[in-house]
C-alpha atoms as a PDB file:
ATOM      1  CA  UNK A   1      83.665  88.540 141.419  1.00  0.00           C
ATOM      2  CA  UNK A   2      85.649  85.434 140.450  1.00  0.00           C
ATOM      3  CA  UNK A   3      85.178  83.390 137.290  1.00  0.00           C
ATOM      4  CA  UNK A   4      83.070  80.721 139.007  1.00  0.00           C
ATOM      5  CA  UNK A   5      80.568  83.263 140.339  1.00  0.00           C
ATOM      6  CA  UNK A   6      80.420  84.950 136.963  1.00  0.00           C
ATOM      7  CA  UNK A   7      79.659  81.601 135.345  1.00  0.00           C
ATOM      8  CA  UNK A   8      76.887  80.979 137.895  1.00  0.00           C
ATOM      9  CA  UNK A   9      75.336  84.338 137.145  1.00  0.00           C
ATOM     10  CA  UNK A  10      75.541  83.673 133.423  1.00  0.00           C
ATOM     11  CA  UNK A  11      73.708  80.376 133.819  1.00  0.00           C
ATOM     12  CA  UNK A  12      71.075  81.667 136.254  1.00  0.00           C
ATOM     13  CA  UNK A  13      67.345  81.575 135.283  1.00  0.00           C
ATOM     14  CA  UNK A  14      67.144  85.344 135.459  1.00  0.00           C
ATOM     15  CA  UNK A  15      69.944  85.712 132.949  1.00  0.00           C
ATOM     16  CA  UNK A  16      68.365  83.208 130.588  1.00  0.00           C
ATOM     17  CA  UNK A  17      65.047  85.051 130.754  1.00  0.00           C
ATOM     18  CA  UNK A  18      66.702  88.376 130.022  1.00  0.00           C
ATOM     19  CA  UNK A  19      68.546  86.969 127.042  1.00  0.00           C
ATOM     20  CA  UNK A  20      65.259  85.663 125.663  1.00  0.00           C
ATOM     21  CA  UNK A  21      63.685  89.095 126.176  1.00  0.00           C
ATOM     22  CA  UNK A  22      66.509  90.751 124.252  1.00  0.00           C
ATOM     23  CA  UNK A  23      66.177  88.231 121.425  1.00  0.00           C
ATOM     24  CA  UNK A  24      62.380  88.691 121.350  1.00  0.00           C
ATOM     25  CA  UNK A  25      62.677  92.499 121.119  1.00  0.00           C
ATOM     26  CA  UNK A  26      65.191  92.196 118.286  1.00  0.00           C
ATOM     27  CA  UNK A  27      62.877  89.733 116.509  1.00  0.00           C
ATOM     28  CA  UNK A  28      59.949  92.151 116.773  1.00  0.00           C
ATOM     29  CA  UNK A  29      62.007  94.949 115.270  1.00  0.00           C
ATOM     30  CA  UNK A  30      62.963  93.007 112.131  1.00  0.00           C
ATOM     31  CA  UNK A  31      59.657  93.547 110.246  1.00  0.00           C
ATOM     32  CA  UNK A  32      59.385  97.114 111.564  1.00  0.00           C
ATOM     33  CA  UNK A  33      62.753  98.231 110.256  1.00  0.00           C
ATOM     34  CA  UNK A  34      62.293  96.219 107.063  1.00  0.00           C
ATOM     35  CA  UNK A  35      58.961  97.908 106.293  1.00  0.00           C
ATOM     36  CA  UNK A  36      60.396 101.327 107.008  1.00  0.00           C
ATOM     37  CA  UNK A  37      63.120 100.777 104.420  1.00  0.00           C
ATOM     38  CA  UNK A  38      61.402  98.712 101.721  1.00  0.00           C
ATOM     39  CA  UNK A  39      59.405 101.525 100.155  1.00  0.00           C
ATOM     40  CA  UNK A  40      62.436 103.763  99.610  1.00  0.00           C
ATOM     41  CA  UNK A  41      65.050 101.264  98.449  1.00  0.00           C
ATOM     42  CA  UNK A  42      64.912 102.176  94.761  1.00  0.00           C
ATOM     43  CA  UNK A  43      64.842 105.924  95.380  1.00  0.00           C
ATOM     44  CA  UNK A  44      67.642 105.633  97.924  1.00  0.00           C
ATOM     45  CA  UNK A  45      69.802 103.727  95.446  1.00  0.00           C
ATOM     46  CA  UNK A  46      69.389 106.461  92.817  1.00  0.00           C
ATOM     47  CA  UNK A  47      70.128 109.216  95.333  1.00  0.00           C
ATOM     48  CA  UNK A  48      73.218 107.377  96.544  1.00  0.00           C
ATOM     49  CA  UNK A  49      74.428 107.144  92.952  1.00  0.00           C
ATOM     50  CA  UNK A  50      73.703 110.844  92.504  1.00  0.00           C
ATOM     51  CA  UNK A  51      75.678 111.660  95.628  1.00  0.00           C
ATOM     52  CA  UNK A  52      78.661 109.758  94.230  1.00  0.00           C
ATOM     53  CA  UNK A  53      78.401 111.565  90.877  1.00  0.00           C
ATOM     54  CA  UNK A  54      78.169 114.900  92.684  1.00  0.00           C
ATOM     55  CA  UNK A  55      81.188 114.129  94.874  1.00  0.00           C
ATOM     56  CA  UNK A  56      83.312 113.103  91.877  1.00  0.00           C
ATOM     57  CA  UNK A  57      82.323 115.897  89.494  1.00  0.00           C
ATOM     58  CA  UNK A  58      80.673 118.841  91.258  1.00  0.00           C
ATOM     59  CA  UNK A  59      81.792 119.168  94.887  1.00  0.00           C
ATOM     60  CA  UNK A  60      85.207 120.677  94.118  1.00  0.00           C
ATOM     61  CA  UNK A  61      83.515 123.854  92.828  1.00  0.00           C
ATOM     62  CA  UNK A  62      80.084 123.893  94.432  1.00  0.00           C
ATOM     63  CA  UNK A  63      81.519 122.466  97.693  1.00  0.00           C
ATOM     64  CA  UNK A  64      80.418 119.274  99.476  1.00  0.00           C
ATOM     65  CA  UNK A  65      77.729 121.296 101.245  1.00  0.00           C
ATOM     66  CA  UNK A  66      76.331 122.612  97.953  1.00  0.00           C
ATOM     67  CA  UNK A  67      76.705 126.205  99.173  1.00  0.00           C
ATOM     68  CA  UNK A  68      79.149 127.220  96.421  1.00  0.00           C
ATOM     69  CA  UNK A  69      81.777 129.967  96.573  1.00  0.00           C
ATOM     70  CA  UNK A  70      80.807 133.629  96.711  1.00  0.00           C
ATOM     71  CA  UNK A  71      81.255 135.434  93.391  1.00  0.00           C
ATOM     72  CA  UNK A  72      82.455 132.342  91.542  1.00  0.00           C
ATOM     73  CA  UNK A  73      80.362 129.206  91.882  1.00  0.00           C
ATOM     74  CA  UNK A  74      76.649 129.579  92.683  1.00  0.00           C
ATOM     75  CA  UNK A  75      75.005 127.607  95.475  1.00  0.00           C
ATOM     76  CA  UNK A  76      73.000 124.548  94.552  1.00  0.00           C
ATOM     77  CA  UNK A  77      71.323 124.320  97.945  1.00  0.00           C
ATOM     78  CA  UNK A  78      68.487 126.836  98.064  1.00  0.00           C
ATOM     79  CA  UNK A  79      68.894 127.654  94.364  1.00  0.00           C
ATOM     80  CA  UNK A  80      65.403 128.071  92.800  1.00  0.00           C
ATOM     81  CA  UNK A  81      66.682 126.828  89.423  1.00  0.00           C
ATOM     82  CA  UNK A  82      67.340 123.391  90.881  1.00  0.00           C
ATOM     83  CA  UNK A  83      63.634 122.556  90.496  1.00  0.00           C
ATOM     84  CA  UNK A  84      63.904 122.993  86.697  1.00  0.00           C
ATOM     85  CA  UNK A  85      64.925 119.487  85.562  1.00  0.00           C
ATOM     86  CA  UNK A  86      65.312 120.432  81.887  1.00  0.00           C
ATOM     87  CA  UNK A  87      67.541 123.397  82.782  1.00  0.00           C
ATOM     88  CA  UNK A  88      69.739 121.232  85.003  1.00  0.00           C
ATOM     89  CA  UNK A  89      70.086 118.576  82.305  1.00  0.00           C
ATOM     90  CA  UNK A  90      71.053 121.220  79.726  1.00  0.00           C
ATOM     91  CA  UNK A  91      73.689 122.779  81.997  1.00  0.00           C
ATOM     92  CA  UNK A  92      75.185 119.428  83.039  1.00  0.00           C
ATOM     93  CA  UNK A  93      75.467 118.136  79.482  1.00  0.00           C
ATOM     94  CA  UNK A  94      76.529 121.367  77.722  1.00  0.00           C
ATOM     95  CA  UNK A  95      78.151 123.499  80.426  1.00  0.00           C
ATOM     96  CA  UNK A  96      77.536 127.168  81.238  1.00  0.00           C
ATOM     97  CA  UNK A  97      79.522 130.401  81.006  1.00  0.00           C
ATOM     98  CA  UNK A  98      78.908 134.070  81.694  1.00  0.00           C
ATOM     99  CA  UNK A  99      77.481 135.892  84.708  1.00  0.00           C
ATOM    100  CA  UNK A 100      74.337 134.565  86.363  1.00  0.00           C
ATOM    101  CA  UNK A 101      72.369 135.808  89.366  1.00  0.00           C
ATOM    102  CA  UNK A 102      71.241 133.506  92.152  1.00  0.00           C
ATOM    103  CA  UNK A 103      69.387 134.772  95.213  1.00  0.00           C
ATOM    104  CA  UNK A 104      70.485 138.356  94.513  1.00  0.00           C
ATOM    105  CA  UNK A 105      74.207 137.609  94.083  1.00  0.00           C
ATOM    106  CA  UNK A 106      76.109 137.540  90.788  1.00  0.00           C
ATOM    107  CA  UNK A 107      78.413 134.642  89.917  1.00  0.00           C
ATOM    108  CA  UNK A 108      80.773 134.593  86.964  1.00  0.00           C
ATOM    109  CA  UNK A 109      82.707 131.414  86.284  1.00  0.00           C
ATOM    110  CA  UNK A 110      82.852 128.784  83.574  1.00  0.00           C
ATOM    111  CA  UNK A 111      81.206 125.425  84.162  1.00  0.00           C
ATOM    112  CA  UNK A 112      82.540 122.735  81.810  1.00  0.00           C
ATOM    113  CA  UNK A 113      80.372 120.239  79.997  1.00  0.00           C
ATOM    114  CA  UNK A 114      79.902 116.838  81.632  1.00  0.00           C
ATOM    115  CA  UNK A 115      78.809 115.128  78.434  1.00  0.00           C
ATOM    116  CA  UNK A 116      80.688 111.974  79.462  1.00  0.00           C
ATOM    117  CA  UNK A 117      78.025 111.202  82.068  1.00  0.00           C
ATOM    118  CA  UNK A 118      75.410 108.745  80.856  1.00  0.00           C
ATOM    119  CA  UNK A 119      71.670 109.343  81.218  1.00  0.00           C
ATOM    120  CA  UNK A 120      71.383 107.319  84.422  1.00  0.00           C
ATOM    121  CA  UNK A 121      74.161 109.331  86.065  1.00  0.00           C
ATOM    122  CA  UNK A 122      72.587 112.622  84.984  1.00  0.00           C
ATOM    123  CA  UNK A 123      69.170 111.542  86.288  1.00  0.00           C
ATOM    124  CA  UNK A 124      70.745 110.428  89.567  1.00  0.00           C
ATOM    125  CA  UNK A 125      72.651 113.652  90.225  1.00  0.00           C
ATOM    126  CA  UNK A 126      69.586 115.746  89.334  1.00  0.00           C
ATOM    127  CA  UNK A 127      67.504 113.692  91.790  1.00  0.00           C
ATOM    128  CA  UNK A 128      70.196 114.203  94.434  1.00  0.00           C
ATOM    129  CA  UNK A 129      70.255 117.970  93.880  1.00  0.00           C
ATOM    130  CA  UNK A 130      66.468 118.213  93.933  1.00  0.00           C
ATOM    131  CA  UNK A 131      66.428 116.256  97.201  1.00  0.00           C
ATOM    132  CA  UNK A 132      68.449 119.043  98.831  1.00  0.00           C
ATOM    133  CA  UNK A 133      71.716 117.065  98.520  1.00  0.00           C
ATOM    134  CA  UNK A 134      70.708 114.379 100.980  1.00  0.00           C
ATOM    135  CA  UNK A 135      69.897 110.678 100.852  1.00  0.00           C
ATOM    136  CA  UNK A 136      66.696 109.539 102.659  1.00  0.00           C
ATOM    137  CA  UNK A 137      67.160 109.589 106.396  1.00  0.00           C
ATOM    138  CA  UNK A 138      68.597 113.107 106.385  1.00  0.00           C
ATOM    139  CA  UNK A 139      66.456 116.234 106.121  1.00  0.00           C
ATOM    140  CA  UNK A 140      62.639 115.997 105.839  1.00  0.00           C
ATOM    141  CA  UNK A 141      60.854 116.749 102.537  1.00  0.00           C
ATOM    142  CA  UNK A 142      60.239 120.373 101.564  1.00  0.00           C
ATOM    143  CA  UNK A 143      57.011 121.966 102.873  1.00  0.00           C
ATOM    144  CA  UNK A 144      55.505 122.182  99.379  1.00  0.00           C
ATOM    145  CA  UNK A 145      55.943 118.445  98.857  1.00  0.00           C
ATOM    146  CA  UNK A 146      52.742 116.503  98.344  1.00  0.00           C
ATOM    147  CA  UNK A 147      53.848 114.184 101.112  1.00  0.00           C
ATOM    148  CA  UNK A 148      54.868 110.537 101.213  1.00  0.00           C
ATOM    149  CA  UNK A 149      53.067 107.906  99.194  1.00  0.00           C
ATOM    150  CA  UNK A 150      50.788 105.781 101.342  1.00  0.00           C
ATOM    151  CA  UNK A 151      52.387 102.531 102.416  1.00  0.00           C
ATOM    152  CA  UNK A 152      55.991 103.615 101.754  1.00  0.00           C
ATOM    153  CA  UNK A 153      56.750 105.295 105.075  1.00  0.00           C
ATOM    154  CA  UNK A 154      55.841 104.750 108.705  1.00  0.00           C
ATOM    155  CA  UNK A 155      54.730 107.252 111.355  1.00  0.00           C
ATOM    156  CA  UNK A 156      57.523 108.933 113.305  1.00  0.00           C
ATOM    157  CA  UNK A 157      56.355 107.171 116.477  1.00  0.00           C
ATOM    158  CA  UNK A 158      57.406 103.845 114.933  1.00  0.00           C
ATOM    159  CA  UNK A 159      60.959 105.102 114.453  1.00  0.00           C
ATOM    160  CA  UNK A 160      60.968 106.374 118.019  1.00  0.00           C
ATOM    161  CA  UNK A 161      59.707 103.017 119.285  1.00  0.00           C
ATOM    162  CA  UNK A 162      62.430 101.211 117.336  1.00  0.00           C
ATOM    163  CA  UNK A 163      65.149 103.445 118.783  1.00  0.00           C
ATOM    164  CA  UNK A 164      63.857 103.041 122.349  1.00  0.00           C
ATOM    165  CA  UNK A 165      63.503  99.281 121.924  1.00  0.00           C
ATOM    166  CA  UNK A 166      67.054  98.980 120.621  1.00  0.00           C
ATOM    167  CA  UNK A 167      68.380 101.039 123.524  1.00  0.00           C
ATOM    168  CA  UNK A 168      66.481  98.872 126.012  1.00  0.00           C
ATOM    169  CA  UNK A 169      67.810  95.709 124.379  1.00  0.00           C
ATOM    170  CA  UNK A 170      71.371  97.026 124.398  1.00  0.00           C
ATOM    171  CA  UNK A 171      71.024  98.120 128.034  1.00  0.00           C
ATOM    172  CA  UNK A 172      69.743  94.708 129.117  1.00  0.00           C
ATOM    173  CA  UNK A 173      72.488  92.938 127.188  1.00  0.00           C
ATOM    174  CA  UNK A 174      75.170  95.118 128.767  1.00  0.00           C
ATOM    175  CA  UNK A 175      73.719  94.580 132.255  1.00  0.00           C
ATOM    176  CA  UNK A 176      73.711  90.826 131.757  1.00  0.00           C
ATOM    177  CA  UNK A 177      77.162  90.626 130.185  1.00  0.00           C
ATOM    178  CA  UNK A 178      78.898  93.267 132.318  1.00  0.00           C
ATOM    179  CA  UNK A 179      80.280  90.748 134.879  1.00  0.00           C
ATOM    180  CA  UNK A 180      81.908  88.814 132.055  1.00  0.00           C
ATOM    181  CA  UNK A 181      83.202  91.886 130.240  1.00  0.00           C
ATOM    182  CA  UNK A 182      84.778  93.752 133.171  1.00  0.00           C
ATOM    183  CA  UNK A 183      85.385  90.868 135.571  1.00  0.00           C
ATOM    184  CA  UNK A 184      88.861  89.816 136.725  1.00  0.00           C
ATOM    185  CA  UNK A 185      90.204  86.901 134.675  1.00  0.00           C
ATOM    186  CA  UNK A 186      92.456  83.970 135.455  1.00  0.00           C
ATOM    187  CA  UNK A 187      95.269  84.364 132.925  1.00  0.00           C
ATOM    188  CA  UNK A 188      96.462  80.819 133.472  1.00  0.00           C
ATOM    189  CA  UNK A 189      93.189  79.327 132.202  1.00  0.00           C
ATOM    190  CA  UNK A 190      91.101  82.109 130.600  1.00  0.00           C
ATOM    191  CA  UNK A 191      87.473  81.511 129.692  1.00  0.00           C
ATOM    192  CA  UNK A 192      87.051  81.601 125.909  1.00  0.00           C
ATOM    193  CA  UNK A 193      83.672  83.302 126.041  1.00  0.00           C
ATOM    194  CA  UNK A 194      85.025  86.036 128.315  1.00  0.00           C
ATOM    195  CA  UNK A 195      88.007  86.538 126.011  1.00  0.00           C
ATOM    196  CA  UNK A 196      85.725  86.788 122.971  1.00  0.00           C
ATOM    197  CA  UNK A 197      83.447  89.331 124.668  1.00  0.00           C
ATOM    198  CA  UNK A 198      86.355  91.480 125.833  1.00  0.00           C
ATOM    199  CA  UNK A 199      88.064  91.313 122.445  1.00  0.00           C
ATOM    200  CA  UNK A 200      84.854  92.173 120.629  1.00  0.00           C
ATOM    201  CA  UNK A 201      84.247  95.159 122.881  1.00  0.00           C
ATOM    202  CA  UNK A 202      87.757  96.474 122.220  1.00  0.00           C
ATOM    203  CA  UNK A 203      87.341  96.145 118.453  1.00  0.00           C
ATOM    204  CA  UNK A 204      83.921  97.843 118.518  1.00  0.00           C
ATOM    205  CA  UNK A 205      85.232 100.733 120.638  1.00  0.00           C
ATOM    206  CA  UNK A 206      88.202 101.520 118.403  1.00  0.00           C
ATOM    207  CA  UNK A 207      86.201 101.088 115.180  1.00  0.00           C
ATOM    208  CA  UNK A 208      83.369 103.313 116.421  1.00  0.00           C
ATOM    209  CA  UNK A 209      85.474 106.104 117.931  1.00  0.00           C
ATOM    210  CA  UNK A 210      88.457 106.286 115.565  1.00  0.00           C
ATOM    211  CA  UNK A 211      86.725 105.517 112.250  1.00  0.00           C
ATOM    212  CA  UNK A 212      82.957 105.991 112.414  1.00  0.00           C
ATOM    213  CA  UNK A 213      82.846 109.013 114.767  1.00  0.00           C
ATOM    214  CA  UNK A 214      85.325 111.231 112.828  1.00  0.00           C
ATOM    215  CA  UNK A 215      83.613 110.338 109.525  1.00  0.00           C
ATOM    216  CA  UNK A 216      80.190 111.129 110.980  1.00  0.00           C
ATOM    217  CA  UNK A 217      81.459 114.422 112.362  1.00  0.00           C
ATOM    218  CA  UNK A 218      83.027 115.368 109.038  1.00  0.00           C
ATOM    219  CA  UNK A 219      79.751 114.776 107.181  1.00  0.00           C
ATOM    220  CA  UNK A 220      77.707 117.180 109.332  1.00  0.00           C
ATOM    221  CA  UNK A 221      76.554 120.415 107.745  1.00  0.00           C
ATOM    222  CA  UNK A 222      78.317 122.507 110.388  1.00  0.00           C
ATOM    223  CA  UNK A 223      81.662 120.906 109.529  1.00  0.00           C
ATOM    224  CA  UNK A 224      81.175 121.301 105.773  1.00  0.00           C
ATOM    225  CA  UNK A 225      80.879 125.068 106.274  1.00  0.00           C
ATOM    226  CA  UNK A 226      84.302 125.263 107.938  1.00  0.00           C
ATOM    227  CA  UNK A 227      87.621 125.656 106.092  1.00  0.00           C
ATOM    228  CA  UNK A 228      89.359 122.407 105.192  1.00  0.00           C
ATOM    229  CA  UNK A 229      92.183 123.091 107.656  1.00  0.00           C
ATOM    230  CA  UNK A 230      89.728 123.454 110.546  1.00  0.00           C
ATOM    231  CA  UNK A 231      87.919 120.264 109.495  1.00  0.00           C
ATOM    232  CA  UNK A 232      91.201 118.350 109.499  1.00  0.00           C
ATOM    233  CA  UNK A 233      92.185 119.740 112.908  1.00  0.00           C
ATOM    234  CA  UNK A 234      88.848 118.894 114.566  1.00  0.00           C
ATOM    235  CA  UNK A 235      88.608 115.370 113.165  1.00  0.00           C
ATOM    236  CA  UNK A 236      92.256 114.672 114.000  1.00  0.00           C
ATOM    237  CA  UNK A 237      91.695 115.902 117.555  1.00  0.00           C
ATOM    238  CA  UNK A 238      88.637 113.647 117.939  1.00  0.00           C
ATOM    239  CA  UNK A 239      90.550 110.674 116.524  1.00  0.00           C
ATOM    240  CA  UNK A 240      93.595 111.288 118.743  1.00  0.00           C
ATOM    241  CA  UNK A 241      91.437 111.790 121.838  1.00  0.00           C
ATOM    242  CA  UNK A 242      89.488 108.587 121.253  1.00  0.00           C
ATOM    243  CA  UNK A 243      92.707 106.680 120.573  1.00  0.00           C
ATOM    244  CA  UNK A 244      94.314 108.036 123.747  1.00  0.00           C
ATOM    245  CA  UNK A 245      91.294 107.135 125.889  1.00  0.00           C
ATOM    246  CA  UNK A 246      91.262 103.646 124.394  1.00  0.00           C
ATOM    247  CA  UNK A 247      94.960 103.068 125.063  1.00  0.00           C
ATOM    248  CA  UNK A 248      94.628 104.388 128.606  1.00  0.00           C
ATOM    249  CA  UNK A 249      91.635 102.103 129.168  1.00  0.00           C
ATOM    250  CA  UNK A 250      93.559  99.090 127.883  1.00  0.00           C
ATOM    251  CA  UNK A 251      96.446  99.888 130.210  1.00  0.00           C
ATOM    252  CA  UNK A 252      94.121 100.168 133.230  1.00  0.00           C
ATOM    253  CA  UNK A 253      92.198  96.976 132.438  1.00  0.00           C
ATOM    254  CA  UNK A 254      95.446  95.092 131.899  1.00  0.00           C
ATOM    255  CA  UNK A 255      96.849  96.345 135.191  1.00  0.00           C
ATOM    256  CA  UNK A 256      93.692  95.261 137.005  1.00  0.00           C
ATOM    257  CA  UNK A 257      93.869  91.818 135.354  1.00  0.00           C
ATOM    258  CA  UNK A 258      90.614  92.337 133.551  1.00  0.00           C
ATOM    259  CA  UNK A 259      92.074  91.632 130.084  1.00  0.00           C
END
């Protein structure tokens, strides 16, 4: 399809209608996603702070997963003492030494005092530990929880609807823009919109597959259970594979005069 035909398709009534549909779906989702997040903003902020405190001060011994090290550092995930806020505060501020038993296994190592943490940091890390080491959006609340406060969360079907609506909107947008994104270009007088779309797609691909994807993979619970060397190998392999596919794709598109 040449540039003129692509321009005609872009300006056609059908295309204009589809673009309006995409915009309308996105507009409808704004209050939905905003309501889903508004009730948890303050709690999420505290848990995020707690996660940072944990990463900086606790994860080297208790591990990023919170599962600890056998015989030395007890697990924090699944540890019944985590529900005792006063006990946690005492241990964090004054340290702990001597053998202790957690879930039938004995641990004997010295935990130093973290008296340099202020009260807000201590409260945040305790909240993070008592939330099973996750920030909202991860694992669901424990079975014994009294449940969410009315008006602060939405039914699961709303989240499903949002995801489906986004996928539909993205699919429609890709269908409409595909002729401009993958079409053959005239390098002597390139269309600026086509160039912007192609360039944006390239940036999004490399950012998503070489930065976001390895980071997301590394944060999964399965990966946190693996030795550090295995984690590095897997994430490096994913990064290198995505980079290689991207470079190969650029070479093919350039050869076919599509970029």
